[in-house]
Amino acid sequence: MPVYTFEVASPVVRSVRDKEPSHFKFEIESYQALLNSIARTKSDKIETSEFNAGGQSWVLVIYPNGNTRDSGSGHISLYLKLANKPTGGSSVYATFKFFIFDKERETYITIQDARERRFDAGHLEWGIAKALPVAAFNDDKNALLVNDSCTFGAEVYVISSTATVARLSLAERLTYRSFTWAVYDYSRLRTDTYSDVFSIEERNWKLRLFPRGNLTGQGRFLSLYLYLDDRTDLTGGRKLYVECELSIRDQLTGSDFKQTVGFWFDSVNDHRGFDTFLSLADLNNPMKGYKQGDTLIIEAVINEIFVLKDIN
């Protein structure tokens, strides 16, 4: 028998059922690699693609190690987020269930918030902080995490009978995932500049550099960003989660300055990086070796690419 250890807390209702979620299933492959990537980028949650139920668009939000801001430490925390903010003081009322698939018994753990929740402009997200202990989720006897893959789900209103299925997959490593950009005559740069377009995993990318800072870093920091140059196929809920390490080479000692960023690229969001990447004081310090012969050497290494797409 499976060992499901639940912490009982009204109004949360837990049960087991055979029928799959009616509205949304979310399959994760390479789960541990995703967790490692999230940890490295100091994130704590996964947001899925949008799905429709009850005439609204929703997003399933998963905190694999618990939402500590909601006392969820040590548990998987699950939330439902209304994708479009209501206007004019309107509200959306919903009840919902979350699901975790037991692959051995082919059943679903259901975790239901039994109360009706009001989603409005001031409160777009509701959920369950202590949906399932992380130890129970990782326990092989429970068959929730098998071969480093798992499946979550959600139902809202139980109106639609057709589920949207999204899958998050780790992209196969086909190429060497790094790019080096030598920025010559750095002190002569007066405005932002782009690198050449480079190709990694059959996608085109580029770097953007603000030599004297951008937004919150203006006048005090060098700002650096990674851009996805072509997003024409990122439609219909398709997204890319990318973990990228950006660095500036220390040309004297090899003690390169590095920062890692994780970001979801989609049809709207095409870049992510750092307004405050490296302070201008450190950049111009001759003892640090970042700028030699008025040349700056920047490197981008894409560690992981996860592809999120609807599969039906």
C-alpha atoms as a PDB file:
ATOM      1  CA  MET A   1       0.000   0.000   0.000  1.00  0.00           C
ATOM      2  CA  PRO A   2       1.209   3.548  -0.711  1.00  0.00           C
ATOM      3  CA  VAL A   3       2.371   5.651   2.202  1.00  0.00           C
ATOM      4  CA  TYR A   4       0.620   9.007   1.769  1.00  0.00           C
ATOM      5  CA  THR A   5       1.265  11.079   4.874  1.00  0.00           C
ATOM      6  CA  PHE A   6      -1.104  14.017   4.852  1.00  0.00           C
ATOM      7  CA  GLU A   7      -1.218  16.886   7.285  1.00  0.00           C
ATOM      8  CA  VAL A   8      -4.912  17.391   7.946  1.00  0.00           C
ATOM      9  CA  ALA A   9      -5.922  21.056   7.838  1.00  0.00           C
ATOM     10  CA  SER A  10      -9.482  22.175   7.100  1.00  0.00           C
ATOM     11  CA  PRO A  11     -10.730  23.244   4.565  1.00  0.00           C
ATOM     12  CA  VAL A  12      -8.355  21.024   2.555  1.00  0.00           C
ATOM     13  CA  VAL A  13      -9.876  17.724   1.428  1.00  0.00           C
ATOM     14  CA  ARG A  14      -7.671  14.898   0.150  1.00  0.00           C
ATOM     15  CA  SER A  15      -8.662  11.703  -1.631  1.00  0.00           C
ATOM     16  CA  VAL A  16      -7.588   9.263  -4.347  1.00  0.00           C
ATOM     17  CA  ARG A  17      -9.427   8.742  -7.628  1.00  0.00           C
ATOM     18  CA  ASP A  18      -9.009   6.965 -10.967  1.00  0.00           C
ATOM     19  CA  LYS A  19     -10.212   9.658 -13.367  1.00  0.00           C
ATOM     20  CA  GLU A  20      -7.604  12.034 -14.750  1.00  0.00           C
ATOM     21  CA  PRO A  21      -7.969  15.824 -14.351  1.00  0.00           C
ATOM     22  CA  SER A  22     -10.644  17.287 -16.569  1.00  0.00           C
ATOM     23  CA  HIS A  23      -8.943  20.576 -17.329  1.00  0.00           C
ATOM     24  CA  PHE A  24      -5.170  20.428 -17.145  1.00  0.00           C
ATOM     25  CA  LYS A  25      -2.299  17.948 -16.902  1.00  0.00           C
ATOM     26  CA  PHE A  26       1.308  19.024 -16.523  1.00  0.00           C
ATOM     27  CA  GLU A  27       4.000  16.423 -17.216  1.00  0.00           C
ATOM     28  CA  ILE A  28       7.550  17.153 -16.088  1.00  0.00           C
ATOM     29  CA  GLU A  29      10.527  15.261 -17.446  1.00  0.00           C
ATOM     30  CA  SER A  30      14.039  15.575 -15.929  1.00  0.00           C
ATOM     31  CA  TYR A  31      12.525  16.789 -12.648  1.00  0.00           C
ATOM     32  CA  GLN A  32      15.787  16.862 -10.688  1.00  0.00           C
ATOM     33  CA  ALA A  33      17.561  18.864 -13.371  1.00  0.00           C
ATOM     34  CA  LEU A  34      14.724  21.379 -13.247  1.00  0.00           C
ATOM     35  CA  LEU A  35      14.983  21.629  -9.446  1.00  0.00           C
ATOM     36  CA  ASN A  36      18.752  22.126  -9.663  1.00  0.00           C
ATOM     37  CA  SER A  37      18.282  24.856 -12.234  1.00  0.00           C
ATOM     38  CA  ILE A  38      15.650  26.605 -10.120  1.00  0.00           C
ATOM     39  CA  ALA A  39      17.940  26.459  -7.079  1.00  0.00           C
ATOM     40  CA  ARG A  40      20.895  27.893  -8.972  1.00  0.00           C
ATOM     41  CA  THR A  41      18.828  30.844 -10.146  1.00  0.00           C
ATOM     42  CA  LYS A  42      17.391  31.445  -6.658  1.00  0.00           C
ATOM     43  CA  SER A  43      13.851  30.849  -7.855  1.00  0.00           C
ATOM     44  CA  ASP A  44      11.341  28.752  -5.925  1.00  0.00           C
ATOM     45  CA  LYS A  45       8.441  28.029  -8.246  1.00  0.00           C
ATOM     46  CA  ILE A  46       7.303  26.690 -11.614  1.00  0.00           C
ATOM     47  CA  GLU A  47       4.540  28.422 -13.575  1.00  0.00           C
ATOM     48  CA  THR A  48       2.868  26.390 -16.317  1.00  0.00           C
ATOM     49  CA  SER A  49       1.356  27.485 -19.582  1.00  0.00           C
ATOM     50  CA  GLU A  50      -2.183  28.823 -19.498  1.00  0.00           C
ATOM     51  CA  PHE A  51      -5.226  26.559 -19.691  1.00  0.00           C
ATOM     52  CA  ASN A  52      -8.904  27.338 -20.034  1.00  0.00           C
ATOM     53  CA  ALA A  53     -11.676  26.383 -17.639  1.00  0.00           C
ATOM     54  CA  GLY A  54     -14.950  28.055 -16.790  1.00  0.00           C
ATOM     55  CA  GLY A  55     -14.433  30.694 -19.460  1.00  0.00           C
ATOM     56  CA  GLN A  56     -11.197  31.940 -17.852  1.00  0.00           C
ATOM     57  CA  SER A  57      -7.486  31.405 -18.401  1.00  0.00           C
ATOM     58  CA  TRP A  58      -5.511  29.923 -15.502  1.00  0.00           C
ATOM     59  CA  VAL A  59      -1.924  29.014 -14.585  1.00  0.00           C
ATOM     60  CA  LEU A  60      -0.851  26.205 -12.260  1.00  0.00           C
ATOM     61  CA  VAL A  61       1.939  27.340  -9.902  1.00  0.00           C
ATOM     62  CA  ILE A  62       4.142  24.710  -8.215  1.00  0.00           C
ATOM     63  CA  TYR A  63       6.613  25.291  -5.394  1.00  0.00           C
ATOM     64  CA  PRO A  64       8.655  22.027  -5.399  1.00  0.00           C
ATOM     65  CA  ASN A  65      10.188  22.720  -1.973  1.00  0.00           C
ATOM     66  CA  GLY A  66       7.314  24.664  -0.491  1.00  0.00           C
ATOM     67  CA  ASN A  67       6.190  28.269  -0.443  1.00  0.00           C
ATOM     68  CA  THR A  68       8.018  29.455   2.662  1.00  0.00           C
ATOM     69  CA  ARG A  69       6.137  32.762   2.554  1.00  0.00           C
ATOM     70  CA  ASP A  70       2.933  30.771   3.204  1.00  0.00           C
ATOM     71  CA  SER A  71       4.375  28.380   5.849  1.00  0.00           C
ATOM     72  CA  GLY A  72       4.788  25.627   3.257  1.00  0.00           C
ATOM     73  CA  SER A  73       8.361  24.618   4.063  1.00  0.00           C
ATOM     74  CA  GLY A  74       8.988  20.874   3.638  1.00  0.00           C
ATOM     75  CA  HIS A  75       5.918  20.449   1.431  1.00  0.00           C
ATOM     76  CA  ILE A  76       5.027  20.749  -2.209  1.00  0.00           C
ATOM     77  CA  SER A  77       2.884  23.885  -2.472  1.00  0.00           C
ATOM     78  CA  LEU A  78       0.276  24.154  -5.230  1.00  0.00           C
ATOM     79  CA  TYR A  79      -1.537  27.307  -6.342  1.00  0.00           C
ATOM     80  CA  LEU A  80      -4.028  28.377  -8.976  1.00  0.00           C
ATOM     81  CA  LYS A  81      -3.440  31.741 -10.622  1.00  0.00           C
ATOM     82  CA  LEU A  82      -5.900  33.725 -12.711  1.00  0.00           C
ATOM     83  CA  ALA A  83      -3.953  34.652 -15.845  1.00  0.00           C
ATOM     84  CA  ASN A  84      -5.885  37.804 -16.744  1.00  0.00           C
ATOM     85  CA  LYS A  85      -6.449  40.473 -14.110  1.00  0.00           C
ATOM     86  CA  PRO A  86     -10.145  41.357 -13.733  1.00  0.00           C
ATOM     87  CA  THR A  87     -10.987  44.971 -14.474  1.00  0.00           C
ATOM     88  CA  GLY A  88     -13.626  47.375 -13.250  1.00  0.00           C
ATOM     89  CA  GLY A  89     -13.785  45.820  -9.808  1.00  0.00           C
ATOM     90  CA  SER A  90     -15.016  42.480 -11.137  1.00  0.00           C
ATOM     91  CA  SER A  91     -14.204  39.118  -9.531  1.00  0.00           C
ATOM     92  CA  VAL A  92     -14.032  35.458 -10.501  1.00  0.00           C
ATOM     93  CA  TYR A  93     -15.209  32.875  -7.953  1.00  0.00           C
ATOM     94  CA  ALA A  94     -13.825  29.366  -8.228  1.00  0.00           C
ATOM     95  CA  THR A  95     -13.369  26.070  -6.468  1.00  0.00           C
ATOM     96  CA  PHE A  96     -10.493  23.885  -7.558  1.00  0.00           C
ATOM     97  CA  LYS A  97      -8.631  20.625  -7.113  1.00  0.00           C
ATOM     98  CA  PHE A  98      -4.975  19.751  -7.587  1.00  0.00           C
ATOM     99  CA  PHE A  99      -3.710  16.339  -8.710  1.00  0.00           C
ATOM    100  CA  ILE A 100      -0.508  14.291  -8.438  1.00  0.00           C
ATOM    101  CA  PHE A 101      -0.315  11.064 -10.452  1.00  0.00           C
ATOM    102  CA  ASP A 102       0.579   7.715  -8.837  1.00  0.00           C
ATOM    103  CA  LYS A 103       2.239   5.902 -11.747  1.00  0.00           C
ATOM    104  CA  GLU A 104       2.281   2.436 -10.205  1.00  0.00           C
ATOM    105  CA  ARG A 105      -1.398   2.292  -9.273  1.00  0.00           C
ATOM    106  CA  GLU A 106      -2.494   4.638 -12.075  1.00  0.00           C
ATOM    107  CA  THR A 107      -4.512   6.769  -9.707  1.00  0.00           C
ATOM    108  CA  TYR A 108      -4.457  10.427  -8.745  1.00  0.00           C
ATOM    109  CA  ILE A 109      -3.997  11.992  -5.358  1.00  0.00           C
ATOM    110  CA  THR A 110      -6.500  14.854  -5.240  1.00  0.00           C
ATOM    111  CA  ILE A 111      -5.999  17.856  -2.981  1.00  0.00           C
ATOM    112  CA  GLN A 112      -9.000  20.130  -2.924  1.00  0.00           C
ATOM    113  CA  ASP A 113      -9.573  23.544  -1.454  1.00  0.00           C
ATOM    114  CA  ALA A 114     -13.163  22.989  -0.344  1.00  0.00           C
ATOM    115  CA  ARG A 115     -13.953  26.683  -0.037  1.00  0.00           C
ATOM    116  CA  GLU A 116     -14.988  28.947  -2.873  1.00  0.00           C
ATOM    117  CA  ARG A 117     -12.224  31.450  -3.565  1.00  0.00           C
ATOM    118  CA  ARG A 118     -12.555  34.955  -4.904  1.00  0.00           C
ATOM    119  CA  PHE A 119     -10.026  35.915  -7.581  1.00  0.00           C
ATOM    120  CA  ASP A 120      -9.836  39.649  -8.218  1.00  0.00           C
ATOM    121  CA  ALA A 121      -7.309  42.360  -9.078  1.00  0.00           C
ATOM    122  CA  GLY A 122      -5.944  42.308  -5.543  1.00  0.00           C
ATOM    123  CA  HIS A 123      -5.801  38.522  -5.150  1.00  0.00           C
ATOM    124  CA  LEU A 124      -5.053  36.631  -8.362  1.00  0.00           C
ATOM    125  CA  GLU A 125      -3.656  33.487  -6.714  1.00  0.00           C
ATOM    126  CA  TRP A 126      -5.043  30.948  -4.253  1.00  0.00           C
ATOM    127  CA  GLY A 127      -3.730  27.568  -3.259  1.00  0.00           C
ATOM    128  CA  ILE A 128      -2.561  25.054  -0.690  1.00  0.00           C
ATOM    129  CA  ALA A 129       0.804  25.627   0.963  1.00  0.00           C
ATOM    130  CA  LYS A 130       1.046  22.103   2.448  1.00  0.00           C
ATOM    131  CA  ALA A 131      -0.338  20.048  -0.416  1.00  0.00           C
ATOM    132  CA  LEU A 132       1.994  17.063   0.100  1.00  0.00           C
ATOM    133  CA  PRO A 133       5.175  16.512   2.138  1.00  0.00           C
ATOM    134  CA  VAL A 134       8.268  16.516  -0.046  1.00  0.00           C
ATOM    135  CA  ALA A 135       9.393  13.285   1.662  1.00  0.00           C
ATOM    136  CA  ALA A 136       6.178  11.524   0.602  1.00  0.00           C
ATOM    137  CA  PHE A 137       6.531  12.810  -2.947  1.00  0.00           C
ATOM    138  CA  ASN A 138      10.118  11.511  -3.167  1.00  0.00           C
ATOM    139  CA  ASP A 139       9.326   8.132  -1.537  1.00  0.00           C
ATOM    140  CA  ASP A 140       9.694   5.387  -4.180  1.00  0.00           C
ATOM    141  CA  LYS A 141       6.839   3.399  -2.604  1.00  0.00           C
ATOM    142  CA  ASN A 142       4.388   6.112  -3.565  1.00  0.00           C
ATOM    143  CA  ALA A 143       5.375   6.094  -7.272  1.00  0.00           C
ATOM    144  CA  LEU A 144       4.742   9.820  -7.669  1.00  0.00           C
ATOM    145  CA  LEU A 145       8.241  10.553  -8.964  1.00  0.00           C
ATOM    146  CA  VAL A 146       9.314   7.730 -11.299  1.00  0.00           C
ATOM    147  CA  ASN A 147      12.331   7.784 -13.624  1.00  0.00           C
ATOM    148  CA  ASP A 148      12.761  11.477 -12.766  1.00  0.00           C
ATOM    149  CA  SER A 149       9.335  12.355 -14.180  1.00  0.00           C
ATOM    150  CA  CYS A 150       6.005  13.266 -12.613  1.00  0.00           C
ATOM    151  CA  THR A 151       2.575  14.593 -13.493  1.00  0.00           C
ATOM    152  CA  PHE A 152       0.485  17.291 -11.826  1.00  0.00           C
ATOM    153  CA  GLY A 153      -2.999  18.441 -12.718  1.00  0.00           C
ATOM    154  CA  ALA A 154      -5.803  20.855 -11.949  1.00  0.00           C
ATOM    155  CA  GLU A 155      -9.556  21.180 -12.241  1.00  0.00           C
ATOM    156  CA  VAL A 156     -11.471  24.435 -12.046  1.00  0.00           C
ATOM    157  CA  TYR A 157     -15.297  24.485 -11.967  1.00  0.00           C
ATOM    158  CA  VAL A 158     -15.421  21.025 -13.596  1.00  0.00           C
ATOM    159  CA  ILE A 159     -17.066  22.450 -16.726  1.00  0.00           C
ATOM    160  CA  SER A 160     -14.824  21.452 -19.578  1.00  0.00           C
ATOM    161  CA  SER A 161     -14.420  17.783 -20.371  1.00  0.00           C
ATOM    162  CA  THR A 162     -11.331  18.290 -22.509  1.00  0.00           C
ATOM    163  CA  ALA A 163      -8.007  18.637 -20.756  1.00  0.00           C
ATOM    164  CA  THR A 164      -5.150  20.686 -22.096  1.00  0.00           C
ATOM    165  CA  VAL A 165      -1.939  18.698 -21.635  1.00  0.00           C
ATOM    166  CA  ALA A 166       1.363  20.545 -21.404  1.00  0.00           C
ATOM    167  CA  ARG A 167       4.742  18.879 -21.209  1.00  0.00           C
ATOM    168  CA  LEU A 168       8.006  20.341 -19.922  1.00  0.00           C
ATOM    169  CA  SER A 169      10.994  18.527 -21.453  1.00  0.00           C
ATOM    170  CA  LEU A 170      14.725  18.981 -21.085  1.00  0.00           C
ATOM    171  CA  ALA A 171      16.135  19.830 -24.507  1.00  0.00           C
ATOM    172  CA  GLU A 172      18.640  17.348 -25.870  1.00  0.00           C
ATOM    173  CA  ARG A 173      22.189  18.686 -25.745  1.00  0.00           C
ATOM    174  CA  LEU A 174      23.117  18.862 -29.438  1.00  0.00           C
ATOM    175  CA  THR A 175      25.751  21.587 -29.494  1.00  0.00           C
ATOM    176  CA  TYR A 176      28.382  23.243 -27.326  1.00  0.00           C
ATOM    177  CA  ARG A 177      26.338  25.798 -25.455  1.00  0.00           C
ATOM    178  CA  SER A 178      28.665  28.769 -25.078  1.00  0.00           C
ATOM    179  CA  PHE A 179      29.426  32.008 -26.872  1.00  0.00           C
ATOM    180  CA  THR A 180      32.386  34.355 -26.389  1.00  0.00           C
ATOM    181  CA  TRP A 181      32.129  38.028 -27.257  1.00  0.00           C
ATOM    182  CA  ALA A 182      35.227  40.245 -27.365  1.00  0.00           C
ATOM    183  CA  VAL A 183      34.213  43.888 -26.998  1.00  0.00           C
ATOM    184  CA  TYR A 184      37.049  46.032 -28.410  1.00  0.00           C
ATOM    185  CA  ASP A 185      37.590  49.769 -27.760  1.00  0.00           C
ATOM    186  CA  TYR A 186      35.283  49.476 -24.798  1.00  0.00           C
ATOM    187  CA  SER A 187      35.920  52.996 -23.472  1.00  0.00           C
ATOM    188  CA  ARG A 188      34.661  54.459 -26.755  1.00  0.00           C
ATOM    189  CA  LEU A 189      31.193  52.938 -26.384  1.00  0.00           C
ATOM    190  CA  ARG A 190      28.636  55.658 -25.764  1.00  0.00           C
ATOM    191  CA  THR A 191      25.446  53.620 -25.822  1.00  0.00           C
ATOM    192  CA  ASP A 192      24.202  50.056 -25.675  1.00  0.00           C
ATOM    193  CA  THR A 193      25.493  47.515 -28.167  1.00  0.00           C
ATOM    194  CA  TYR A 194      24.564  44.022 -29.321  1.00  0.00           C
ATOM    195  CA  SER A 195      26.745  41.025 -29.991  1.00  0.00           C
ATOM    196  CA  ASP A 196      26.578  39.078 -33.208  1.00  0.00           C
ATOM    197  CA  VAL A 197      23.703  36.605 -33.354  1.00  0.00           C
ATOM    198  CA  PHE A 198      24.850  33.128 -32.300  1.00  0.00           C
ATOM    199  CA  SER A 199      23.169  29.748 -32.576  1.00  0.00           C
ATOM    200  CA  ILE A 200      22.688  27.279 -29.707  1.00  0.00           C
ATOM    201  CA  GLU A 201      20.355  24.264 -29.949  1.00  0.00           C
ATOM    202  CA  GLU A 202      19.000  25.418 -33.312  1.00  0.00           C
ATOM    203  CA  ARG A 203      17.908  28.763 -31.891  1.00  0.00           C
ATOM    204  CA  ASN A 204      19.381  32.212 -32.415  1.00  0.00           C
ATOM    205  CA  TRP A 205      20.500  34.311 -29.459  1.00  0.00           C
ATOM    206  CA  LYS A 206      22.340  37.556 -28.861  1.00  0.00           C
ATOM    207  CA  LEU A 207      23.747  39.554 -25.961  1.00  0.00           C
ATOM    208  CA  ARG A 208      23.039  43.189 -25.186  1.00  0.00           C
ATOM    209  CA  LEU A 209      25.510  45.309 -23.250  1.00  0.00           C
ATOM    210  CA  PHE A 210      24.947  48.676 -21.584  1.00  0.00           C
ATOM    211  CA  PRO A 211      28.482  49.906 -20.801  1.00  0.00           C
ATOM    212  CA  ARG A 212      27.266  52.537 -18.330  1.00  0.00           C
ATOM    213  CA  GLY A 213      24.252  50.728 -16.995  1.00  0.00           C
ATOM    214  CA  ASN A 214      20.529  50.491 -17.669  1.00  0.00           C
ATOM    215  CA  LEU A 215      17.474  51.183 -15.502  1.00  0.00           C
ATOM    216  CA  THR A 216      18.405  50.546 -11.832  1.00  0.00           C
ATOM    217  CA  GLY A 217      22.071  50.132 -12.749  1.00  0.00           C
ATOM    218  CA  GLN A 218      22.457  53.326 -14.739  1.00  0.00           C
ATOM    219  CA  GLY A 219      25.651  55.198 -13.985  1.00  0.00           C
ATOM    220  CA  ARG A 220      26.889  52.623 -11.449  1.00  0.00           C
ATOM    221  CA  PHE A 221      26.908  49.221 -13.126  1.00  0.00           C
ATOM    222  CA  LEU A 222      27.488  47.452 -16.387  1.00  0.00           C
ATOM    223  CA  SER A 223      24.170  45.925 -17.521  1.00  0.00           C
ATOM    224  CA  LEU A 224      24.078  42.652 -19.472  1.00  0.00           C
ATOM    225  CA  TYR A 225      21.188  40.686 -20.998  1.00  0.00           C
ATOM    226  CA  LEU A 226      20.529  37.536 -23.019  1.00  0.00           C
ATOM    227  CA  TYR A 227      18.046  37.853 -25.898  1.00  0.00           C
ATOM    228  CA  LEU A 228      16.206  35.139 -27.817  1.00  0.00           C
ATOM    229  CA  ASP A 229      16.454  36.506 -31.342  1.00  0.00           C
ATOM    230  CA  ASP A 230      13.608  34.527 -32.940  1.00  0.00           C
ATOM    231  CA  ARG A 231      10.397  33.695 -31.061  1.00  0.00           C
ATOM    232  CA  THR A 232       8.114  32.934 -34.002  1.00  0.00           C
ATOM    233  CA  ASP A 233       7.437  29.359 -32.819  1.00  0.00           C
ATOM    234  CA  LEU A 234       6.665  30.354 -29.217  1.00  0.00           C
ATOM    235  CA  THR A 235       2.900  30.496 -29.660  1.00  0.00           C
ATOM    236  CA  GLY A 236      -0.042  28.548 -28.310  1.00  0.00           C
ATOM    237  CA  GLY A 237       1.394  28.210 -24.810  1.00  0.00           C
ATOM    238  CA  ARG A 238       4.856  27.129 -25.958  1.00  0.00           C
ATOM    239  CA  LYS A 239       7.658  28.480 -23.744  1.00  0.00           C
ATOM    240  CA  LEU A 240      11.349  27.959 -23.088  1.00  0.00           C
ATOM    241  CA  TYR A 241      12.879  27.909 -19.632  1.00  0.00           C
ATOM    242  CA  VAL A 242      16.559  28.775 -19.968  1.00  0.00           C
ATOM    243  CA  GLU A 243      19.297  28.746 -17.368  1.00  0.00           C
ATOM    244  CA  CYS A 244      22.201  30.884 -18.557  1.00  0.00           C
ATOM    245  CA  GLU A 245      25.504  31.798 -16.932  1.00  0.00           C
ATOM    246  CA  LEU A 246      26.839  35.201 -17.965  1.00  0.00           C
ATOM    247  CA  SER A 247      30.444  36.081 -17.162  1.00  0.00           C
ATOM    248  CA  ILE A 248      33.153  38.663 -17.732  1.00  0.00           C
ATOM    249  CA  ARG A 249      36.610  37.195 -18.012  1.00  0.00           C
ATOM    250  CA  ASP A 250      39.359  38.207 -15.607  1.00  0.00           C
ATOM    251  CA  GLN A 251      42.197  38.371 -18.124  1.00  0.00           C
ATOM    252  CA  LEU A 252      44.869  38.511 -15.408  1.00  0.00           C
ATOM    253  CA  THR A 253      44.028  35.786 -12.890  1.00  0.00           C
ATOM    254  CA  GLY A 254      41.181  33.810 -14.427  1.00  0.00           C
ATOM    255  CA  SER A 255      38.858  34.726 -11.531  1.00  0.00           C
ATOM    256  CA  ASP A 256      35.964  35.481 -13.867  1.00  0.00           C
ATOM    257  CA  PHE A 257      32.921  37.372 -12.613  1.00  0.00           C
ATOM    258  CA  LYS A 258      29.787  35.241 -13.115  1.00  0.00           C
ATOM    259  CA  GLN A 259      26.065  35.454 -12.516  1.00  0.00           C
ATOM    260  CA  THR A 260      23.362  32.930 -13.418  1.00  0.00           C
ATOM    261  CA  VAL A 261      19.872  33.784 -14.577  1.00  0.00           C
ATOM    262  CA  GLY A 262      16.817  31.586 -15.166  1.00  0.00           C
ATOM    263  CA  PHE A 263      13.923  32.812 -17.282  1.00  0.00           C
ATOM    264  CA  TRP A 264      10.826  31.781 -19.237  1.00  0.00           C
ATOM    265  CA  PHE A 265      10.994  32.964 -22.860  1.00  0.00           C
ATOM    266  CA  ASP A 266       7.673  33.152 -24.711  1.00  0.00           C
ATOM    267  CA  SER A 267       5.929  35.133 -27.465  1.00  0.00           C
ATOM    268  CA  VAL A 268       6.047  38.306 -25.336  1.00  0.00           C
ATOM    269  CA  ASN A 269       9.186  38.008 -23.194  1.00  0.00           C
ATOM    270  CA  ASP A 270      12.370  37.908 -25.224  1.00  0.00           C
ATOM    271  CA  HIS A 271      15.193  38.757 -22.812  1.00  0.00           C
ATOM    272  CA  ARG A 272      16.458  38.520 -19.267  1.00  0.00           C
ATOM    273  CA  GLY A 273      19.642  39.539 -17.531  1.00  0.00           C
ATOM    274  CA  PHE A 274      20.967  42.002 -15.001  1.00  0.00           C
ATOM    275  CA  ASP A 275      20.567  45.761 -14.661  1.00  0.00           C
ATOM    276  CA  THR A 276      23.299  45.596 -12.015  1.00  0.00           C
ATOM    277  CA  PHE A 277      25.611  42.943 -13.447  1.00  0.00           C
ATOM    278  CA  LEU A 278      29.068  44.300 -12.506  1.00  0.00           C
ATOM    279  CA  SER A 279      29.847  47.576 -10.755  1.00  0.00           C
ATOM    280  CA  LEU A 280      31.752  50.105 -12.832  1.00  0.00           C
ATOM    281  CA  ALA A 281      34.165  50.486  -9.908  1.00  0.00           C
ATOM    282  CA  ASP A 282      35.135  46.806 -10.159  1.00  0.00           C
ATOM    283  CA  LEU A 283      35.149  46.911 -13.948  1.00  0.00           C
ATOM    284  CA  ASN A 284      37.619  49.792 -14.020  1.00  0.00           C
ATOM    285  CA  ASN A 285      39.830  48.431 -11.224  1.00  0.00           C
ATOM    286  CA  PRO A 286      43.106  47.486 -12.987  1.00  0.00           C
ATOM    287  CA  MET A 287      43.858  44.874 -10.315  1.00  0.00           C
ATOM    288  CA  LYS A 288      40.813  42.814 -11.302  1.00  0.00           C
ATOM    289  CA  GLY A 289      41.759  42.313 -14.935  1.00  0.00           C
ATOM    290  CA  TYR A 290      38.312  42.624 -16.483  1.00  0.00           C
ATOM    291  CA  LYS A 291      39.388  45.254 -18.993  1.00  0.00           C
ATOM    292  CA  GLN A 292      42.752  44.718 -20.668  1.00  0.00           C
ATOM    293  CA  GLY A 293      43.935  46.748 -23.651  1.00  0.00           C
ATOM    294  CA  ASP A 294      40.474  48.369 -23.620  1.00  0.00           C
ATOM    295  CA  THR A 295      38.993  44.961 -24.437  1.00  0.00           C
ATOM    296  CA  LEU A 296      36.239  43.224 -22.487  1.00  0.00           C
ATOM    297  CA  ILE A 297      35.618  39.493 -22.956  1.00  0.00           C
ATOM    298  CA  ILE A 298      32.071  38.335 -22.219  1.00  0.00           C
ATOM    299  CA  GLU A 299      30.888  34.735 -22.217  1.00  0.00           C
ATOM    300  CA  ALA A 300      27.407  33.241 -22.181  1.00  0.00           C
ATOM    301  CA  VAL A 301      26.934  29.583 -21.283  1.00  0.00           C
ATOM    302  CA  ILE A 302      23.445  28.119 -21.565  1.00  0.00           C
ATOM    303  CA  ASN A 303      23.356  25.320 -19.006  1.00  0.00           C
ATOM    304  CA  GLU A 304      19.829  24.034 -19.481  1.00  0.00           C
ATOM    305  CA  ILE A 305      16.923  24.532 -21.874  1.00  0.00           C
ATOM    306  CA  PHE A 306      13.471  23.212 -20.992  1.00  0.00           C
ATOM    307  CA  VAL A 307      10.757  23.222 -23.651  1.00  0.00           C
ATOM    308  CA  LEU A 308       7.142  23.674 -22.552  1.00  0.00           C
ATOM    309  CA  LYS A 309       4.481  22.877 -25.122  1.00  0.00           C
ATOM    310  CA  ASP A 310       0.935  21.683 -25.422  1.00  0.00           C
ATOM    311  CA  ILE A 311       0.859  18.142 -26.799  1.00  0.00           C
ATOM    312  CA  ASN A 312      -2.770  17.788 -27.822  1.00  0.00           C
END
